[in-house]
PDB file of N, CA and C in Angstrom:
ATOM      1  N   MET A   1      30.694-271.071 -52.389  1.00  0.00           N
ATOM      2  CA  MET A   1      30.959-270.282 -51.207  1.00  0.00           C
ATOM      3  C   MET A   1      32.250-270.775 -50.554  1.00  0.00           C
ATOM      4  N   ASP A   2      33.142-269.849 -50.274  1.00  0.00           N
ATOM      5  CA  ASP A   2      34.408-270.194 -49.627  1.00  0.00           C
ATOM      6  C   ASP A   2      34.169-270.390 -48.137  1.00  0.00           C
ATOM      7  N   THR A   3      34.570-271.527 -47.617  1.00  0.00           N
ATOM      8  CA  THR A   3      34.360-271.805 -46.197  1.00  0.00           C
ATOM      9  C   THR A   3      35.654-271.777 -45.396  1.00  0.00           C
ATOM     10  N   SER A   4      36.737-271.291 -45.986  1.00  0.00           N
ATOM     11  CA  SER A   4      37.986-271.206 -45.227  1.00  0.00           C
ATOM     12  C   SER A   4      37.902-270.032 -44.259  1.00  0.00           C
ATOM     13  N   SER A   5      38.618-270.145 -43.159  1.00  0.00           N
ATOM     14  CA  SER A   5      38.615-269.071 -42.169  1.00  0.00           C
ATOM     15  C   SER A   5      39.394-267.873 -42.701  1.00  0.00           C
ATOM     16  N   LEU A   6      39.189-266.737 -42.068  1.00  0.00           N
ATOM     17  CA  LEU A   6      39.936-265.531 -42.422  1.00  0.00           C
ATOM     18  C   LEU A   6      41.435-265.791 -42.334  1.00  0.00           C
ATOM     19  N   TRP A   7      41.851-266.506 -41.280  1.00  0.00           N
ATOM     20  CA  TRP A   7      43.275-266.777 -41.074  1.00  0.00           C
ATOM     21  C   TRP A   7      43.841-267.611 -42.222  1.00  0.00           C
ATOM     22  N   GLN A   8      43.112-268.639 -42.629  1.00  0.00           N
ATOM     23  CA  GLN A   8      43.597-269.485 -43.714  1.00  0.00           C
ATOM     24  C   GLN A   8      43.542-268.753 -45.050  1.00  0.00           C
ATOM     25  N   GLY A   9      42.568-267.889 -45.200  1.00  0.00           N
ATOM     26  CA  GLY A   9      42.408-267.183 -46.462  1.00  0.00           C
ATOM     27  C   GLY A   9      43.405-266.066 -46.683  1.00  0.00           C
ATOM     28  N   THR A  10      43.958-265.511 -45.602  1.00  0.00           N
ATOM     29  CA  THR A  10      44.855-264.367 -45.748  1.00  0.00           C
ATOM     30  C   THR A  10      46.298-264.653 -45.337  1.00  0.00           C
ATOM     31  N   ALA A  11      46.543-265.797 -44.740  1.00  0.00           N
ATOM     32  CA  ALA A  11      47.902-266.108 -44.274  1.00  0.00           C
ATOM     33  C   ALA A  11      48.811-266.455 -45.444  1.00  0.00           C
ATOM     34  N   ALA A  12      50.071-266.117 -45.268  1.00  0.00           N
ATOM     35  CA  ALA A  12      51.065-266.541 -46.255  1.00  0.00           C
ATOM     36  C   ALA A  12      51.147-268.061 -46.217  1.00  0.00           C
ATOM     37  N   LYS A  13      51.391-268.643 -47.331  1.00  0.00           N
ATOM     38  CA  LYS A  13      51.506-270.103 -47.397  1.00  0.00           C
ATOM     39  C   LYS A  13      52.738-270.549 -46.616  1.00  0.00           C
ATOM     40  N   SER A  14      52.536-271.502 -45.728  1.00  0.00           N
ATOM     41  CA  SER A  14      53.679-272.004 -44.962  1.00  0.00           C
ATOM     42  C   SER A  14      54.434-273.038 -45.785  1.00  0.00           C
ATOM     43  N   ALA A  15      55.707-273.092 -45.527  1.00  0.00           N
ATOM     44  CA  ALA A  15      56.554-274.031 -46.257  1.00  0.00           C
ATOM     45  C   ALA A  15      56.212-275.463 -45.869  1.00  0.00           C
ATOM     46  N   CYS A  16      56.255-276.337 -46.830  1.00  0.00           N
ATOM     47  CA  CYS A  16      56.104-277.767 -46.550  1.00  0.00           C
ATOM     48  C   CYS A  16      57.489-278.295 -46.219  1.00  0.00           C
ATOM     49  N   LEU A  17      57.645-278.731 -45.017  1.00  0.00           N
ATOM     50  CA  LEU A  17      58.948-279.211 -44.575  1.00  0.00           C
ATOM     51  C   LEU A  17      58.960-280.730 -44.586  1.00  0.00           C
ATOM     52  N   PRO A  18      60.095-281.316 -44.875  1.00  0.00           N
ATOM     53  CA  PRO A  18      60.169-282.780 -44.900  1.00  0.00           C
ATOM     54  C   PRO A  18      60.073-283.355 -43.487  1.00  0.00           C
ATOM     55  N   THR A  19      59.723-284.617 -43.415  1.00  0.00           N
ATOM     56  CA  THR A  19      59.696-285.328 -42.148  1.00  0.00           C
ATOM     57  C   THR A  19      61.098-285.368 -41.561  1.00  0.00           C
ATOM     58  N   LEU A  20      61.189-285.160 -40.268  1.00  0.00           N
ATOM     59  CA  LEU A  20      62.478-285.185 -39.584  1.00  0.00           C
ATOM     60  C   LEU A  20      63.130-286.554 -39.749  1.00  0.00           C
ATOM     61  N   GLN A  21      64.366-286.569 -40.201  1.00  0.00           N
ATOM     62  CA  GLN A  21      65.078-287.817 -40.462  1.00  0.00           C
ATOM     63  C   GLN A  21      66.248-288.055 -39.512  1.00  0.00           C
ATOM     64  N   THR A  22      66.584-287.079 -38.695  1.00  0.00           N
ATOM     65  CA  THR A  22      67.731-287.208 -37.792  1.00  0.00           C
ATOM     66  C   THR A  22      67.318-286.822 -36.381  1.00  0.00           C
ATOM     67  N   ASP A  23      68.183-287.127 -35.436  1.00  0.00           N
ATOM     68  CA  ASP A  23      67.947-286.724 -34.054  1.00  0.00           C
ATOM     69  C   ASP A  23      68.294-285.250 -33.891  1.00  0.00           C
ATOM     70  N   LEU A  24      67.561-284.584 -33.032  1.00  0.00           N
ATOM     71  CA  LEU A  24      67.852-283.194 -32.692  1.00  0.00           C
ATOM     72  C   LEU A  24      68.167-283.106 -31.207  1.00  0.00           C
ATOM     73  N   GLN A  25      69.047-282.217 -30.854  1.00  0.00           N
ATOM     74  CA  GLN A  25      69.322-281.923 -29.452  1.00  0.00           C
ATOM     75  C   GLN A  25      68.720-280.557 -29.156  1.00  0.00           C
ATOM     76  N   VAL A  26      67.653-280.540 -28.368  1.00  0.00           N
ATOM     77  CA  VAL A  26      66.985-279.289 -28.027  1.00  0.00           C
ATOM     78  C   VAL A  26      66.726-279.254 -26.528  1.00  0.00           C
ATOM     79  N   ASP A  27      66.456-278.068 -26.039  1.00  0.00           N
ATOM     80  CA  ASP A  27      66.077-277.906 -24.637  1.00  0.00           C
ATOM     81  C   ASP A  27      64.601-278.215 -24.435  1.00  0.00           C
ATOM     82  N   VAL A  28      63.793-277.842 -25.422  1.00  0.00           N
ATOM     83  CA  VAL A  28      62.343-278.006 -25.309  1.00  0.00           C
ATOM     84  C   VAL A  28      61.779-278.471 -26.644  1.00  0.00           C
ATOM     85  N   ALA A  29      60.930-279.479 -26.596  1.00  0.00           N
ATOM     86  CA  ALA A  29      60.176-279.916 -27.775  1.00  0.00           C
ATOM     87  C   ALA A  29      58.718-279.547 -27.544  1.00  0.00           C
ATOM     88  N   ILE A  30      58.149-278.812 -28.470  1.00  0.00           N
ATOM     89  CA  ILE A  30      56.757-278.382 -28.368  1.00  0.00           C
ATOM     90  C   ILE A  30      55.947-279.163 -29.382  1.00  0.00           C
ATOM     91  N   VAL A  31      54.901-279.804 -28.911  1.00  0.00           N
ATOM     92  CA  VAL A  31      54.024-280.575 -29.789  1.00  0.00           C
ATOM     93  C   VAL A  31      52.857-279.681 -30.179  1.00  0.00           C
ATOM     94  N   GLY A  32      52.805-279.333 -31.456  1.00  0.00           N
ATOM     95  CA  GLY A  32      51.716-278.517 -31.976  1.00  0.00           C
ATOM     96  C   GLY A  32      52.200-277.175 -32.471  1.00  0.00           C
ATOM     97  N   GLY A  33      51.912-276.902 -33.740  1.00  0.00           N
ATOM     98  CA  GLY A  33      52.326-275.655 -34.364  1.00  0.00           C
ATOM     99  C   GLY A  33      51.187-274.673 -34.521  1.00  0.00           C
ATOM    100  N   GLY A  34      50.303-274.635 -33.535  1.00  0.00           N
ATOM    101  CA  GLY A  34      49.235-273.637 -33.525  1.00  0.00           C
ATOM    102  C   GLY A  34      49.695-272.386 -32.803  1.00  0.00           C
ATOM    103  N   ILE A  35      48.759-271.499 -32.538  1.00  0.00           N
ATOM    104  CA  ILE A  35      49.116-270.216 -31.932  1.00  0.00           C
ATOM    105  C   ILE A  35      49.766-270.382 -30.565  1.00  0.00           C
ATOM    106  N   ALA A  36      49.283-271.315 -29.760  1.00  0.00           N
ATOM    107  CA  ALA A  36      49.869-271.504 -28.428  1.00  0.00           C
ATOM    108  C   ALA A  36      51.271-272.101 -28.526  1.00  0.00           C
ATOM    109  N   GLY A  37      51.435-273.118 -29.358  1.00  0.00           N
ATOM    110  CA  GLY A  37      52.745-273.743 -29.510  1.00  0.00           C
ATOM    111  C   GLY A  37      53.776-272.801 -30.099  1.00  0.00           C
ATOM    112  N   LEU A  38      53.388-272.038 -31.113  1.00  0.00           N
ATOM    113  CA  LEU A  38      54.331-271.116 -31.747  1.00  0.00           C
ATOM    114  C   LEU A  38      54.682-269.951 -30.831  1.00  0.00           C
ATOM    115  N   THR A  39      53.701-269.483 -30.052  1.00  0.00           N
ATOM    116  CA  THR A  39      53.988-268.417 -29.091  1.00  0.00           C
ATOM    117  C   THR A  39      54.954-268.914 -28.025  1.00  0.00           C
ATOM    118  N   ALA A  40      54.699-270.117 -27.511  1.00  0.00           N
ATOM    119  CA  ALA A  40      55.613-270.693 -26.520  1.00  0.00           C
ATOM    120  C   ALA A  40      57.009-270.845 -27.108  1.00  0.00           C
ATOM    121  N   ALA A  41      57.095-271.309 -28.339  1.00  0.00           N
ATOM    122  CA  ALA A  41      58.394-271.482 -28.994  1.00  0.00           C
ATOM    123  C   ALA A  41      59.120-270.150 -29.131  1.00  0.00           C
ATOM    124  N   MET A  42      58.416-269.127 -29.552  1.00  0.00           N
ATOM    125  CA  MET A  42      59.025-267.813 -29.724  1.00  0.00           C
ATOM    126  C   MET A  42      59.567-267.288 -28.397  1.00  0.00           C
ATOM    127  N   LEU A  43      58.769-267.404 -27.340  1.00  0.00           N
ATOM    128  CA  LEU A  43      59.206-266.910 -26.035  1.00  0.00           C
ATOM    129  C   LEU A  43      60.403-267.701 -25.507  1.00  0.00           C
ATOM    130  N   LEU A  44      60.399-269.000 -25.724  1.00  0.00           N
ATOM    131  CA  LEU A  44      61.526-269.825 -25.285  1.00  0.00           C
ATOM    132  C   LEU A  44      62.801-269.501 -26.063  1.00  0.00           C
ATOM    133  N   VAL A  45      62.680-269.291 -27.371  1.00  0.00           N
ATOM    134  CA  VAL A  45      63.849-268.914 -28.180  1.00  0.00           C
ATOM    135  C   VAL A  45      64.388-267.564 -27.711  1.00  0.00           C
ATOM    136  N   GLU A  46      63.482-266.623 -27.434  1.00  0.00           N
ATOM    137  CA  GLU A  46      63.916-265.313 -26.937  1.00  0.00           C
ATOM    138  C   GLU A  46      64.625-265.431 -25.589  1.00  0.00           C
ATOM    139  N   ALA A  47      64.292-266.482 -24.827  1.00  0.00           N
ATOM    140  CA  ALA A  47      64.938-266.723 -23.533  1.00  0.00           C
ATOM    141  C   ALA A  47      66.220-267.543 -23.682  1.00  0.00           C
ATOM    142  N   GLY A  48      66.620-267.818 -24.912  1.00  0.00           N
ATOM    143  CA  GLY A  48      67.878-268.512 -25.153  1.00  0.00           C
ATOM    144  C   GLY A  48      67.796-270.029 -25.219  1.00  0.00           C
ATOM    145  N   LYS A  49      66.605-270.575 -25.291  1.00  0.00           N
ATOM    146  CA  LYS A  49      66.446-272.032 -25.356  1.00  0.00           C
ATOM    147  C   LYS A  49      66.493-272.514 -26.800  1.00  0.00           C
ATOM    148  N   ARG A  50      66.953-273.762 -26.976  1.00  0.00           N
ATOM    149  CA  ARG A  50      66.905-274.418 -28.282  1.00  0.00           C
ATOM    150  C   ARG A  50      65.578-275.161 -28.342  1.00  0.00           C
ATOM    151  N   VAL A  51      64.773-274.855 -29.348  1.00  0.00           N
ATOM    152  CA  VAL A  51      63.390-275.334 -29.397  1.00  0.00           C
ATOM    153  C   VAL A  51      63.113-276.033 -30.718  1.00  0.00           C
ATOM    154  N   ALA A  52      62.355-277.113 -30.649  1.00  0.00           N
ATOM    155  CA  ALA A  52      61.824-277.773 -31.845  1.00  0.00           C
ATOM    156  C   ALA A  52      60.308-277.784 -31.725  1.00  0.00           C
ATOM    157  N   VAL A  53      59.635-277.359 -32.786  1.00  0.00           N
ATOM    158  CA  VAL A  53      58.173-277.428 -32.845  1.00  0.00           C
ATOM    159  C   VAL A  53      57.817-278.629 -33.708  1.00  0.00           C
ATOM    160  N   LEU A  54      57.052-279.538 -33.145  1.00  0.00           N
ATOM    161  CA  LEU A  54      56.639-280.752 -33.849  1.00  0.00           C
ATOM    162  C   LEU A  54      55.189-280.595 -34.278  1.00  0.00           C
ATOM    163  N   GLU A  55      54.946-280.601 -35.579  1.00  0.00           N
ATOM    164  CA  GLU A  55      53.596-280.436 -36.122  1.00  0.00           C
ATOM    165  C   GLU A  55      53.330-281.546 -37.123  1.00  0.00           C
ATOM    166  N   ALA A  56      52.254-282.263 -36.925  1.00  0.00           N
ATOM    167  CA  ALA A  56      51.929-283.398 -37.791  1.00  0.00           C
ATOM    168  C   ALA A  56      51.334-282.963 -39.124  1.00  0.00           C
ATOM    169  N   ARG A  57      50.724-281.814 -39.141  1.00  0.00           N
ATOM    170  CA  ARG A  57      50.051-281.379 -40.364  1.00  0.00           C
ATOM    171  C   ARG A  57      50.685-280.095 -40.880  1.00  0.00           C
ATOM    172  N   LYS A  58      49.907-279.036 -40.901  1.00  0.00           N
ATOM    173  CA  LYS A  58      50.361-277.755 -41.425  1.00  0.00           C
ATOM    174  C   LYS A  58      50.405-276.742 -40.282  1.00  0.00           C
ATOM    175  N   VAL A  59      51.495-276.019 -40.166  1.00  0.00           N
ATOM    176  CA  VAL A  59      51.629-275.019 -39.112  1.00  0.00           C
ATOM    177  C   VAL A  59      50.507-273.997 -39.233  1.00  0.00           C
ATOM    178  N   GLY A  60      49.852-273.730 -38.109  1.00  0.00           N
ATOM    179  CA  GLY A  60      48.794-272.726 -38.071  1.00  0.00           C
ATOM    180  C   GLY A  60      47.459-273.190 -38.601  1.00  0.00           C
ATOM    181  N   ALA A  61      47.335-274.442 -38.939  1.00  0.00           N
ATOM    182  CA  ALA A  61      46.053-274.953 -39.434  1.00  0.00           C
ATOM    183  C   ALA A  61      45.280-275.552 -38.257  1.00  0.00           C
ATOM    184  N   CYS A  62      44.476-276.509 -38.503  1.00  0.00           N
ATOM    185  CA  CYS A  62      43.690-277.218 -37.477  1.00  0.00           C
ATOM    186  C   CYS A  62      42.934-276.227 -36.600  1.00  0.00           C
ATOM    187  N   SER A  63      43.023-276.362 -35.291  1.00  0.00           N
ATOM    188  CA  SER A  63      42.231-275.522 -34.385  1.00  0.00           C
ATOM    189  C   SER A  63      42.529-274.041 -34.563  1.00  0.00           C
ATOM    190  N   THR A  64      43.802-273.683 -34.654  1.00  0.00           N
ATOM    191  CA  THR A  64      44.153-272.274 -34.828  1.00  0.00           C
ATOM    192  C   THR A  64      43.618-271.733 -36.146  1.00  0.00           C
ATOM    193  N   GLY A  65      43.825-272.445 -37.219  1.00  0.00           N
ATOM    194  CA  GLY A  65      43.402-271.971 -38.533  1.00  0.00           C
ATOM    195  C   GLY A  65      41.903-271.905 -38.710  1.00  0.00           C
ATOM    196  N   ASN A  66      41.178-272.714 -37.968  1.00  0.00           N
ATOM    197  CA  ASN A  66      39.722-272.732 -38.089  1.00  0.00           C
ATOM    198  C   ASN A  66      39.021-271.932 -37.007  1.00  0.00           C
ATOM    199  N   SER A  67      39.780-271.255 -36.166  1.00  0.00           N
ATOM    200  CA  SER A  67      39.172-270.524 -35.057  1.00  0.00           C
ATOM    201  C   SER A  67      38.765-269.126 -35.489  1.00  0.00           C
ATOM    202  N   THR A  68      38.133-268.432 -34.563  1.00  0.00           N
ATOM    203  CA  THR A  68      37.796-267.029 -34.790  1.00  0.00           C
ATOM    204  C   THR A  68      38.824-266.110 -34.149  1.00  0.00           C
ATOM    205  N   GLY A  69      39.931-266.694 -33.720  1.00  0.00           N
ATOM    206  CA  GLY A  69      41.006-265.887 -33.156  1.00  0.00           C
ATOM    207  C   GLY A  69      40.888-265.640 -31.668  1.00  0.00           C
ATOM    208  N   ASN A  70      40.018-266.361 -31.002  1.00  0.00           N
ATOM    209  CA  ASN A  70      39.822-266.158 -29.566  1.00  0.00           C
ATOM    210  C   ASN A  70      40.548-267.230 -28.774  1.00  0.00           C
ATOM    211  N   LEU A  71      41.255-266.804 -27.757  1.00  0.00           N
ATOM    212  CA  LEU A  71      41.865-267.722 -26.802  1.00  0.00           C
ATOM    213  C   LEU A  71      41.285-267.391 -25.439  1.00  0.00           C
ATOM    214  N   TYR A  72      40.672-268.364 -24.818  1.00  0.00           N
ATOM    215  CA  TYR A  72      40.054-268.143 -23.517  1.00  0.00           C
ATOM    216  C   TYR A  72      40.744-268.964 -22.449  1.00  0.00           C
ATOM    217  N   PRO A  73      41.037-268.349 -21.312  1.00  0.00           N
ATOM    218  CA  PRO A  73      41.541-269.154 -20.206  1.00  0.00           C
ATOM    219  C   PRO A  73      40.405-269.992 -19.636  1.00  0.00           C
ATOM    220  N   THR A  74      40.758-271.068 -19.009  1.00  0.00           N
ATOM    221  CA  THR A  74      39.750-271.888 -18.360  1.00  0.00           C
ATOM    222  C   THR A  74      39.158-271.100 -17.206  1.00  0.00           C
ATOM    223  N   VAL A  75      37.838-271.008 -17.164  1.00  0.00           N
ATOM    224  CA  VAL A  75      37.202-270.220 -16.113  1.00  0.00           C
ATOM    225  C   VAL A  75      36.452-271.069 -15.107  1.00  0.00           C
ATOM    226  N   ASP A  76      36.248-272.336 -15.391  1.00  0.00           N
ATOM    227  CA  ASP A  76      35.450-273.176 -14.502  1.00  0.00           C
ATOM    228  C   ASP A  76      35.927-273.112 -13.058  1.00  0.00           C
ATOM    229  N   VAL A  77      37.228-273.180 -12.858  1.00  0.00           N
ATOM    230  CA  VAL A  77      37.756-273.186 -11.494  1.00  0.00           C
ATOM    231  C   VAL A  77      37.638-271.822 -10.826  1.00  0.00           C
ATOM    232  N   ASN A  78      37.415-270.777 -11.607  1.00  0.00           N
ATOM    233  CA  ASN A  78      37.333-269.428 -11.052  1.00  0.00           C
ATOM    234  C   ASN A  78      35.904-268.930 -10.887  1.00  0.00           C
ATOM    235  N   LEU A  79      34.923-269.724 -11.260  1.00  0.00           N
ATOM    236  CA  LEU A  79      33.544-269.246 -11.209  1.00  0.00           C
ATOM    237  C   LEU A  79      33.100-268.902  -9.794  1.00  0.00           C
ATOM    238  N   GLN A  80      33.538-269.654  -8.804  1.00  0.00           N
ATOM    239  CA  GLN A  80      33.161-269.332  -7.424  1.00  0.00           C
ATOM    240  C   GLN A  80      33.723-267.979  -7.008  1.00  0.00           C
ATOM    241  N   ALA A  81      34.956-267.702  -7.387  1.00  0.00           N
ATOM    242  CA  ALA A  81      35.560-266.412  -7.052  1.00  0.00           C
ATOM    243  C   ALA A  81      34.846-265.276  -7.777  1.00  0.00           C
ATOM    244  N   ILE A  82      34.483-265.495  -9.025  1.00  0.00           N
ATOM    245  CA  ILE A  82      33.745-264.479  -9.784  1.00  0.00           C
ATOM    246  C   ILE A  82      32.394-264.230  -9.133  1.00  0.00           C
ATOM    247  N   ALA A  83      31.706-265.296  -8.753  1.00  0.00           N
ATOM    248  CA  ALA A  83      30.400-265.159  -8.103  1.00  0.00           C
ATOM    249  C   ALA A  83      30.527-264.423  -6.775  1.00  0.00           C
ATOM    250  N   ALA A  84      31.562-264.723  -6.006  1.00  0.00           N
ATOM    251  CA  ALA A  84      31.744-264.072  -4.707  1.00  0.00           C
ATOM    252  C   ALA A  84      32.011-262.577  -4.858  1.00  0.00           C
ATOM    253  N   GLU A  85      32.769-262.218  -5.881  1.00  0.00           N
ATOM    254  CA  GLU A  85      33.134-260.807  -6.052  1.00  0.00           C
ATOM    255  C   GLU A  85      32.105-260.007  -6.842  1.00  0.00           C
ATOM    256  N   HIS A  86      31.482-260.644  -7.845  1.00  0.00           N
ATOM    257  CA  HIS A  86      30.608-259.901  -8.760  1.00  0.00           C
ATOM    258  C   HIS A  86      29.164-260.380  -8.757  1.00  0.00           C
ATOM    259  N   GLY A  87      28.887-261.461  -8.051  1.00  0.00           N
ATOM    260  CA  GLY A  87      27.529-261.976  -7.971  1.00  0.00           C
ATOM    261  C   GLY A  87      27.299-263.150  -8.901  1.00  0.00           C
ATOM    262  N   PRO A  88      26.242-263.931  -8.596  1.00  0.00           N
ATOM    263  CA  PRO A  88      25.976-265.138  -9.383  1.00  0.00           C
ATOM    264  C   PRO A  88      25.599-264.856 -10.835  1.00  0.00           C
ATOM    265  N   ASP A  89      24.956-263.720 -11.094  1.00  0.00           N
ATOM    266  CA  ASP A  89      24.596-263.403 -12.481  1.00  0.00           C
ATOM    267  C   ASP A  89      25.844-263.180 -13.339  1.00  0.00           C
ATOM    268  N   ALA A  90      26.844-262.527 -12.757  1.00  0.00           N
ATOM    269  CA  ALA A  90      28.095-262.305 -13.493  1.00  0.00           C
ATOM    270  C   ALA A  90      28.793-263.628 -13.767  1.00  0.00           C
ATOM    271  N   ALA A  91      28.812-264.514 -12.779  1.00  0.00           N
ATOM    272  CA  ALA A  91      29.438-265.826 -12.978  1.00  0.00           C
ATOM    273  C   ALA A  91      28.705-266.614 -14.050  1.00  0.00           C
ATOM    274  N   ALA A  92      27.383-266.548 -14.053  1.00  0.00           N
ATOM    275  CA  ALA A  92      26.596-267.245 -15.078  1.00  0.00           C
ATOM    276  C   ALA A  92      26.874-266.664 -16.459  1.00  0.00           C
ATOM    277  N   ALA A  93      27.028-265.343 -16.544  1.00  0.00           N
ATOM    278  CA  ALA A  93      27.316-264.707 -17.834  1.00  0.00           C
ATOM    279  C   ALA A  93      28.689-265.128 -18.356  1.00  0.00           C
ATOM    280  N   VAL A  94      29.672-265.221 -17.463  1.00  0.00           N
ATOM    281  CA  VAL A  94      31.007-265.666 -17.872  1.00  0.00           C
ATOM    282  C   VAL A  94      30.946-267.096 -18.379  1.00  0.00           C
ATOM    283  N   ALA A  95      30.264-267.964 -17.645  1.00  0.00           N
ATOM    284  CA  ALA A  95      30.147-269.365 -18.063  1.00  0.00           C
ATOM    285  C   ALA A  95      29.440-269.474 -19.408  1.00  0.00           C
ATOM    286  N   ALA A  96      28.374-268.705 -19.603  1.00  0.00           N
ATOM    287  CA  ALA A  96      27.622-268.749 -20.865  1.00  0.00           C
ATOM    288  C   ALA A  96      28.454-268.228 -22.033  1.00  0.00           C
ATOM    289  N   SER A  97      29.333-267.262 -21.765  1.00  0.00           N
ATOM    290  CA  SER A  97      30.138-266.686 -22.850  1.00  0.00           C
ATOM    291  C   SER A  97      31.165-267.662 -23.391  1.00  0.00           C
ATOM    292  N   ARG A  98      31.442-268.716 -22.650  1.00  0.00           N
ATOM    293  CA  ARG A  98      32.425-269.704 -23.073  1.00  0.00           C
ATOM    294  C   ARG A  98      31.811-270.834 -23.879  1.00  0.00           C
ATOM    295  N   GLY A  99      30.525-270.757 -24.100  1.00  0.00           N
ATOM    296  CA  GLY A  99      29.861-271.761 -24.934  1.00  0.00           C
ATOM    297  C   GLY A  99      29.441-272.913 -24.136  1.00  0.00           C
TER     298      GLY A  99
END
């Protein structure tokens, strides 16, 4: 039985890049080549910044590659506001949906 995620099973193979051997001059260094890091890098490049993405393993693997594709904002700090506007049952449902 194949236990790889859909993302790992269907993604194009990423290039294996050598370890960085020289200094780079960049505006922003992003640690992590997952979906959040790569999205941040793309947006920064589009804004004209020089960006380096630092990934210890394989781009798009680890948490991103093993996920179900869901990104959730932190809701803990907003539960009181949700409860005030939608009631305590709604706040409990939101909290439960986050695992």
